[in-house]
C-alpha atoms as a PDB file:
ATOM      1  CA  MET A   1       6.261   4.500 -15.145  1.00  0.00           C
ATOM      2  CA  ILE A   2       4.193   3.946 -11.887  1.00  0.00           C
ATOM      3  CA  ILE A   3       5.300   1.324  -9.731  1.00  0.00           C
ATOM      4  CA  ALA A   4       2.428   0.517  -6.928  1.00  0.00           C
ATOM      5  CA  ILE A   5       3.593  -1.193  -3.585  1.00  0.00           C
ATOM      6  CA  ASP A   6       0.476  -2.004  -1.360  1.00  0.00           C
ATOM      7  CA  GLY A   7       0.345  -3.882   1.912  1.00  0.00           C
ATOM      8  CA  PRO A   8      -0.641  -3.823   5.754  1.00  0.00           C
ATOM      9  CA  ALA A   9       1.305  -1.823   8.343  1.00  0.00           C
ATOM     10  CA  GLY A  10       4.704  -3.464   8.957  1.00  0.00           C
ATOM     11  CA  SER A  11       5.033  -5.344   5.830  1.00  0.00           C
ATOM     12  CA  GLY A  12       8.209  -3.558   4.721  1.00  0.00           C
ATOM     13  CA  LYS A  13       6.717  -1.431   1.952  1.00  0.00           C
ATOM     14  CA  SER A  14       7.720   1.822   3.153  1.00  0.00           C
ATOM     15  CA  THR A  15      11.534   1.224   3.430  1.00  0.00           C
ATOM     16  CA  THR A  16      11.425  -1.011   0.705  1.00  0.00           C
ATOM     17  CA  ALA A  17       9.723   1.516  -1.828  1.00  0.00           C
ATOM     18  CA  LYS A  18      12.223   4.121  -0.694  1.00  0.00           C
ATOM     19  CA  LEU A  19      15.155   1.800  -1.529  1.00  0.00           C
ATOM     20  CA  LEU A  20      13.749   0.662  -4.677  1.00  0.00           C
ATOM     21  CA  ALA A  21      12.965   4.209  -5.928  1.00  0.00           C
ATOM     22  CA  LYS A  22      16.624   5.115  -5.121  1.00  0.00           C
ATOM     23  CA  LYS A  23      18.064   1.880  -6.806  1.00  0.00           C
ATOM     24  CA  LEU A  24      15.899   2.775 -10.026  1.00  0.00           C
ATOM     25  CA  GLY A  25      16.339   6.533  -9.857  1.00  0.00           C
ATOM     26  CA  PHE A  26      12.639   7.050  -9.457  1.00  0.00           C
ATOM     27  CA  ILE A  27      10.736   9.361  -6.969  1.00  0.00           C
ATOM     28  CA  TYR A  28       9.186   7.984  -4.032  1.00  0.00           C
ATOM     29  CA  LEU A  29       5.730   8.698  -3.002  1.00  0.00           C
ATOM     30  CA  ASP A  30       4.448   7.764   0.611  1.00  0.00           C
ATOM     31  CA  THR A  31       0.560   7.862   0.519  1.00  0.00           C
ATOM     32  CA  GLY A  32       0.181   6.764   4.103  1.00  0.00           C
ATOM     33  CA  ALA A  33       2.164   9.729   5.407  1.00  0.00           C
ATOM     34  CA  MET A  34      -0.282  11.981   3.629  1.00  0.00           C
ATOM     35  CA  TYR A  35      -3.156  10.421   5.734  1.00  0.00           C
ATOM     36  CA  ARG A  36      -0.934  10.832   8.845  1.00  0.00           C
ATOM     37  CA  ALA A  37      -0.552  14.472   8.141  1.00  0.00           C
ATOM     38  CA  VAL A  38      -4.099  15.166   7.981  1.00  0.00           C
ATOM     39  CA  THR A  39      -4.869  13.095  11.142  1.00  0.00           C
ATOM     40  CA  LEU A  40      -1.853  15.355  12.799  1.00  0.00           C
ATOM     41  CA  PHE A  41      -3.705  18.472  11.899  1.00  0.00           C
ATOM     42  CA  LEU A  42      -6.863  17.057  13.489  1.00  0.00           C
ATOM     43  CA  LEU A  43      -4.866  16.306  16.721  1.00  0.00           C
ATOM     44  CA  ASN A  44      -3.272  19.654  16.718  1.00  0.00           C
ATOM     45  CA  ASN A  45      -6.364  21.247  16.191  1.00  0.00           C
ATOM     46  CA  LYS A  46      -8.450  19.203  18.678  1.00  0.00           C
ATOM     47  CA  ILE A  47     -10.947  18.312  15.949  1.00  0.00           C
ATOM     48  CA  ASN A  48     -13.249  15.490  16.855  1.00  0.00           C
ATOM     49  CA  VAL A  49     -11.956  12.517  14.870  1.00  0.00           C
ATOM     50  CA  ASP A  50     -15.295  10.841  15.535  1.00  0.00           C
ATOM     51  CA  SER A  51     -17.178  13.477  13.520  1.00  0.00           C
ATOM     52  CA  VAL A  52     -17.300  12.978   9.792  1.00  0.00           C
ATOM     53  CA  PHE A  53     -19.111  16.593   9.618  1.00  0.00           C
ATOM     54  CA  ASP A  54     -16.080  18.177  11.541  1.00  0.00           C
ATOM     55  CA  ILE A  55     -13.301  16.394   9.397  1.00  0.00           C
ATOM     56  CA  LYS A  56     -14.932  17.286   6.149  1.00  0.00           C
ATOM     57  CA  LYS A  57     -15.131  21.047   7.383  1.00  0.00           C
ATOM     58  CA  SER A  58     -11.319  21.006   8.504  1.00  0.00           C
ATOM     59  CA  LEU A  59     -10.311  19.939   5.154  1.00  0.00           C
ATOM     60  CA  GLU A  60     -10.776  23.320   3.682  1.00  0.00           C
ATOM     61  CA  LYS A  61      -8.270  24.484   6.133  1.00  0.00           C
ATOM     62  CA  ILE A  62      -5.497  21.864   5.232  1.00  0.00           C
ATOM     63  CA  ASP A  63      -2.827  22.747   2.670  1.00  0.00           C
ATOM     64  CA  LEU A  64      -0.899  19.582   1.965  1.00  0.00           C
ATOM     65  CA  SER A  65       2.269  19.778  -0.365  1.00  0.00           C
ATOM     66  CA  ILE A  66       4.998  16.988  -1.278  1.00  0.00           C
ATOM     67  CA  LYS A  67       8.642  17.692  -1.719  1.00  0.00           C
ATOM     68  CA  SER A  68      11.085  14.856  -3.050  1.00  0.00           C
ATOM     69  CA  LYS A  69      14.307  16.548  -4.185  1.00  0.00           C
ATOM     70  CA  ASP A  70      16.348  15.035  -1.687  1.00  0.00           C
ATOM     71  CA  ARG A  71      14.027  13.111   0.302  1.00  0.00           C
ATOM     72  CA  PHE A  72      10.379  12.461   0.545  1.00  0.00           C
ATOM     73  CA  GLN A  73       8.842  15.303   2.909  1.00  0.00           C
ATOM     74  CA  ILE A  74       5.444  16.578   3.714  1.00  0.00           C
ATOM     75  CA  TYR A  75       4.557  19.974   4.394  1.00  0.00           C
ATOM     76  CA  LEU A  76       1.312  20.639   6.297  1.00  0.00           C
ATOM     77  CA  ASN A  77       0.183  24.350   5.931  1.00  0.00           C
ATOM     78  CA  ASN A  78       3.857  25.398   4.870  1.00  0.00           C
ATOM     79  CA  LYS A  79       5.479  23.428   7.932  1.00  0.00           C
ATOM     80  CA  ASN A  80       7.574  20.345   7.347  1.00  0.00           C
ATOM     81  CA  VAL A  81       5.848  17.570   9.628  1.00  0.00           C
ATOM     82  CA  THR A  82       7.690  14.751   8.211  1.00  0.00           C
ATOM     83  CA  ASN A  83       9.329  13.620  11.484  1.00  0.00           C
ATOM     84  CA  ASP A  84       6.114  14.058  13.421  1.00  0.00           C
ATOM     85  CA  LEU A  85       4.081  11.466  11.678  1.00  0.00           C
ATOM     86  CA  ARG A  86       5.303   8.326  13.508  1.00  0.00           C
ATOM     87  CA  GLN A  87       3.549   8.805  16.792  1.00  0.00           C
ATOM     88  CA  VAL A  88       1.403   6.138  18.524  1.00  0.00           C
ATOM     89  CA  ASN A  89      -1.557   8.493  18.620  1.00  0.00           C
ATOM     90  CA  ILE A  90      -1.671   9.035  15.048  1.00  0.00           C
ATOM     91  CA  ASP A  91      -1.212   5.368  14.587  1.00  0.00           C
ATOM     92  CA  ASP A  92      -4.393   4.670  16.721  1.00  0.00           C
ATOM     93  CA  LEU A  93      -6.609   7.199  14.686  1.00  0.00           C
ATOM     94  CA  VAL A  94      -5.326   7.253  11.011  1.00  0.00           C
ATOM     95  CA  SER A  95      -7.364   4.486   9.916  1.00  0.00           C
ATOM     96  CA  ASN A  96     -10.717   6.072  10.892  1.00  0.00           C
ATOM     97  CA  VAL A  97      -9.637   9.388   9.283  1.00  0.00           C
ATOM     98  CA  SER A  98      -8.612   7.662   6.005  1.00  0.00           C
ATOM     99  CA  LYS A  99     -11.594   5.875   5.392  1.00  0.00           C
ATOM    100  CA  ILE A 100     -13.688   9.214   5.112  1.00  0.00           C
ATOM    101  CA  LEU A 101     -14.790   9.457   1.554  1.00  0.00           C
ATOM    102  CA  ASP A 102     -13.731  13.118   1.282  1.00  0.00           C
ATOM    103  CA  VAL A 103     -10.463  12.691   2.767  1.00  0.00           C
ATOM    104  CA  ARG A 104      -9.510  10.090   0.254  1.00  0.00           C
ATOM    105  CA  LYS A 105     -10.821  12.257  -2.672  1.00  0.00           C
ATOM    106  CA  LYS A 106      -8.717  15.039  -1.761  1.00  0.00           C
ATOM    107  CA  MET A 107      -5.561  12.978  -1.070  1.00  0.00           C
ATOM    108  CA  ILE A 108      -5.958  10.984  -4.242  1.00  0.00           C
ATOM    109  CA  ILE A 109      -6.199  13.959  -6.381  1.00  0.00           C
ATOM    110  CA  LEU A 110      -2.797  15.152  -4.613  1.00  0.00           C
ATOM    111  CA  GLN A 111      -1.227  11.858  -5.280  1.00  0.00           C
ATOM    112  CA  ARG A 112      -2.063  11.729  -8.870  1.00  0.00           C
ATOM    113  CA  ASN A 113      -1.127  15.215  -9.746  1.00  0.00           C
ATOM    114  CA  PHE A 114       2.193  14.616  -7.959  1.00  0.00           C
ATOM    115  CA  SER A 115       2.952  11.614  -9.981  1.00  0.00           C
ATOM    116  CA  ASN A 116       1.675  13.057 -13.278  1.00  0.00           C
ATOM    117  CA  ASN A 117       4.395  12.283 -16.064  1.00  0.00           C
ATOM    118  CA  LYS A 118       6.975  11.053 -13.495  1.00  0.00           C
ATOM    119  CA  ASN A 119       8.669   7.603 -12.729  1.00  0.00           C
ATOM    120  CA  VAL A 120       7.522   7.047  -9.242  1.00  0.00           C
ATOM    121  CA  VAL A 121       7.345   4.327  -6.730  1.00  0.00           C
ATOM    122  CA  VAL A 122       4.056   4.782  -4.915  1.00  0.00           C
ATOM    123  CA  GLU A 123       3.419   2.887  -1.637  1.00  0.00           C
ATOM    124  CA  GLY A 124       0.020   2.737   0.183  1.00  0.00           C
ATOM    125  CA  ARG A 125      -3.080   0.727   0.869  1.00  0.00           C
ATOM    126  CA  ASP A 126      -4.983   1.254  -2.329  1.00  0.00           C
ATOM    127  CA  ILE A 127      -2.342   2.118  -4.896  1.00  0.00           C
ATOM    128  CA  GLY A 128      -2.799  -0.726  -7.358  1.00  0.00           C
ATOM    129  CA  SER A 129      -6.635  -1.148  -6.610  1.00  0.00           C
ATOM    130  CA  ASN A 130      -7.639   2.601  -6.628  1.00  0.00           C
ATOM    131  CA  VAL A 131      -5.057   5.302  -6.958  1.00  0.00           C
ATOM    132  CA  PHE A 132      -3.151   3.603 -10.056  1.00  0.00           C
ATOM    133  CA  PRO A 133      -5.177   0.827 -11.289  1.00  0.00           C
ATOM    134  CA  ASP A 134      -3.199   1.076 -14.358  1.00  0.00           C
ATOM    135  CA  ALA A 135       0.194   1.015 -12.833  1.00  0.00           C
ATOM    136  CA  ASP A 136       2.872  -0.580 -14.953  1.00  0.00           C
ATOM    137  CA  PHE A 137       3.761  -3.011 -12.091  1.00  0.00           C
ATOM    138  CA  LYS A 138       1.809  -3.808  -8.972  1.00  0.00           C
ATOM    139  CA  PHE A 139       3.211  -5.432  -5.628  1.00  0.00           C
ATOM    140  CA  PHE A 140       1.360  -6.687  -2.511  1.00  0.00           C
ATOM    141  CA  LEU A 141       3.726  -7.091   0.478  1.00  0.00           C
ATOM    142  CA  ILE A 142       2.742  -9.421   3.291  1.00  0.00           C
ATOM    143  CA  ALA A 143       4.266 -10.610   6.524  1.00  0.00           C
ATOM    144  CA  ASP A 144       3.507 -12.434   9.658  1.00  0.00           C
ATOM    145  CA  VAL A 145       1.722 -10.315  12.086  1.00  0.00           C
ATOM    146  CA  MET A 146       4.224 -10.809  14.993  1.00  0.00           C
ATOM    147  CA  GLU A 147       7.251  -9.900  12.584  1.00  0.00           C
ATOM    148  CA  ARG A 148       5.286  -6.877  11.447  1.00  0.00           C
ATOM    149  CA  ALA A 149       4.942  -5.842  15.381  1.00  0.00           C
ATOM    150  CA  LYS A 150       8.726  -6.434  16.178  1.00  0.00           C
ATOM    151  CA  ARG A 151       9.558  -4.218  12.988  1.00  0.00           C
ATOM    152  CA  ARG A 152       7.267  -1.630  14.198  1.00  0.00           C
ATOM    153  CA  PHE A 153       8.816  -1.770  18.106  1.00  0.00           C
ATOM    154  CA  ASN A 154      12.283  -1.746  16.430  1.00  0.00           C
ATOM    155  CA  ASP A 155      11.571   1.568  14.475  1.00  0.00           C
ATOM    156  CA  ASN A 156      13.156   4.012  16.864  1.00  0.00           C
ATOM    157  CA  GLN A 157      10.929   6.829  15.790  1.00  0.00           C
ATOM    158  CA  TYR A 158       8.047   4.950  17.873  1.00  0.00           C
ATOM    159  CA  GLU A 159       7.675   5.466  21.633  1.00  0.00           C
ATOM    160  CA  LYS A 160       8.966   2.601  23.674  1.00  0.00           C
ATOM    161  CA  SER A 161       6.349   2.663  26.035  1.00  0.00           C
ATOM    162  CA  ILE A 162       4.227   0.379  24.106  1.00  0.00           C
ATOM    163  CA  THR A 163       5.039  -3.436  24.196  1.00  0.00           C
ATOM    164  CA  ILE A 164       5.200  -5.843  21.195  1.00  0.00           C
ATOM    165  CA  SER A 165       1.929  -7.672  22.439  1.00  0.00           C
ATOM    166  CA  GLU A 166       0.064  -4.177  22.529  1.00  0.00           C
ATOM    167  CA  LEU A 167       1.683  -3.496  18.839  1.00  0.00           C
ATOM    168  CA  VAL A 168       0.211  -6.931  17.699  1.00  0.00           C
ATOM    169  CA  LYS A 169      -3.326  -5.812  18.946  1.00  0.00           C
ATOM    170  CA  LYS A 170      -2.909  -2.619  17.335  1.00  0.00           C
ATOM    171  CA  ILE A 171      -1.932  -3.946  14.117  1.00  0.00           C
ATOM    172  CA  LYS A 172      -4.523  -6.489  13.896  1.00  0.00           C
ATOM    173  CA  LYS A 173      -7.387  -3.899  14.656  1.00  0.00           C
ATOM    174  CA  ARG A 174      -5.897  -1.614  11.964  1.00  0.00           C
ATOM    175  CA  ASP A 175      -5.782  -4.557   9.381  1.00  0.00           C
ATOM    176  CA  GLU A 176      -9.391  -5.101  10.328  1.00  0.00           C
ATOM    177  CA  ILE A 177     -10.539  -1.591   9.650  1.00  0.00           C
ATOM    178  CA  ASP A 178      -8.173  -1.292   6.433  1.00  0.00           C
ATOM    179  CA  SER A 179      -9.481  -4.497   5.021  1.00  0.00           C
ATOM    180  CA  ASN A 180     -13.117  -3.897   5.640  1.00  0.00           C
ATOM    181  CA  ARG A 181     -13.674  -0.217   5.057  1.00  0.00           C
ATOM    182  CA  LEU A 182     -16.351   0.472   2.319  1.00  0.00           C
ATOM    183  CA  ILE A 183     -14.247   2.974   0.621  1.00  0.00           C
ATOM    184  CA  SER A 184     -10.922   1.727  -0.995  1.00  0.00           C
ATOM    185  CA  PRO A 185     -10.375  -1.121   1.173  1.00  0.00           C
ATOM    186  CA  LEU A 186      -6.798  -2.871   1.562  1.00  0.00           C
ATOM    187  CA  ILE A 187      -6.994  -5.690  -0.900  1.00  0.00           C
ATOM    188  CA  LYS A 188      -4.569  -7.527  -3.063  1.00  0.00           C
ATOM    189  CA  VAL A 189      -6.079  -7.208  -6.740  1.00  0.00           C
ATOM    190  CA  ASP A 190      -5.704  -9.833  -9.090  1.00  0.00           C
ATOM    191  CA  ASP A 191      -2.683  -8.770 -11.311  1.00  0.00           C
ATOM    192  CA  ALA A 192      -0.532  -7.678  -8.159  1.00  0.00           C
ATOM    193  CA  ILE A 193       2.397  -9.743  -7.472  1.00  0.00           C
ATOM    194  CA  GLU A 194       2.297 -11.031  -3.743  1.00  0.00           C
ATOM    195  CA  ILE A 195       5.841 -11.063  -1.692  1.00  0.00           C
ATOM    196  CA  ASP A 196       5.812 -12.566   1.800  1.00  0.00           C
ATOM    197  CA  THR A 197       8.590 -10.558   3.536  1.00  0.00           C
ATOM    198  CA  THR A 198       8.243 -12.253   6.889  1.00  0.00           C
ATOM    199  CA  SER A 199      12.100 -13.991   6.559  1.00  0.00           C
ATOM    200  CA  LEU A 200      13.317 -11.396   3.939  1.00  0.00           C
ATOM    201  CA  THR A 201      15.693  -8.772   4.852  1.00  0.00           C
ATOM    202  CA  ILE A 202      14.924  -5.268   3.352  1.00  0.00           C
ATOM    203  CA  GLU A 203      17.760  -5.686   0.707  1.00  0.00           C
ATOM    204  CA  GLU A 204      16.342  -8.952  -0.295  1.00  0.00           C
ATOM    205  CA  GLN A 205      12.610  -7.416  -0.693  1.00  0.00           C
ATOM    206  CA  VAL A 206      14.075  -4.514  -2.754  1.00  0.00           C
ATOM    207  CA  THR A 207      16.174  -7.000  -4.948  1.00  0.00           C
ATOM    208  CA  LYS A 208      13.591  -9.379  -5.496  1.00  0.00           C
ATOM    209  CA  ILE A 209      11.026  -6.600  -6.787  1.00  0.00           C
ATOM    210  CA  TYR A 210      13.793  -4.943  -8.784  1.00  0.00           C
ATOM    211  CA  ASP A 211      14.491  -8.122 -10.626  1.00  0.00           C
ATOM    212  CA  ILE A 212      11.022  -8.536 -11.485  1.00  0.00           C
ATOM    213  CA  ILE A 213      10.760  -5.005 -12.911  1.00  0.00           C
ATOM    214  CA  MET A 214      13.865  -5.574 -14.917  1.00  0.00           C
ATOM    215  CA  ARG A 215      13.225  -8.731 -16.527  1.00  0.00           C
END
């Protein structure tokens, strides 16, 4: 079974998807982390992130693998980079990297291969629309932009040098890029169930989705 959870940054999809997968006994797949790992590679190797040509060439040198025995982990060229992906500089660039067709093609192949014949909760921005259009359940999470910024600010993996107002601007900019890109934009498909998480706790989000699945 494939359960797709899409939504913009800070809507609660990552934590909700992890807990939902645990509650269901499913595997969790964070597709956004995969694009972050590609972005991390580009930054570490000083590759021009504004050059589609340079990025396409660099894809040949990127070996991504996923492990999910105890928790979801991303390995980049055999190194566990899971804890290195939530950085402000990656936040600033990942949308531009992920809109490149060749990047998306490579990631989607990995995502589909990983999920083949498994019970998986998959979260991202184009899961229900593009990666798994035939998913058994599709959810689209939304939340007020200020609430989303507060959540990001309170995430202790983020640098505290950034203010909430700066985060609001960054989130709005990322929403614009993700929603307006030509390739696999962030959209709510017609058969997705929309859930506004602004005033919901994580536990309430998980319970709401779980109850829908188990009806």
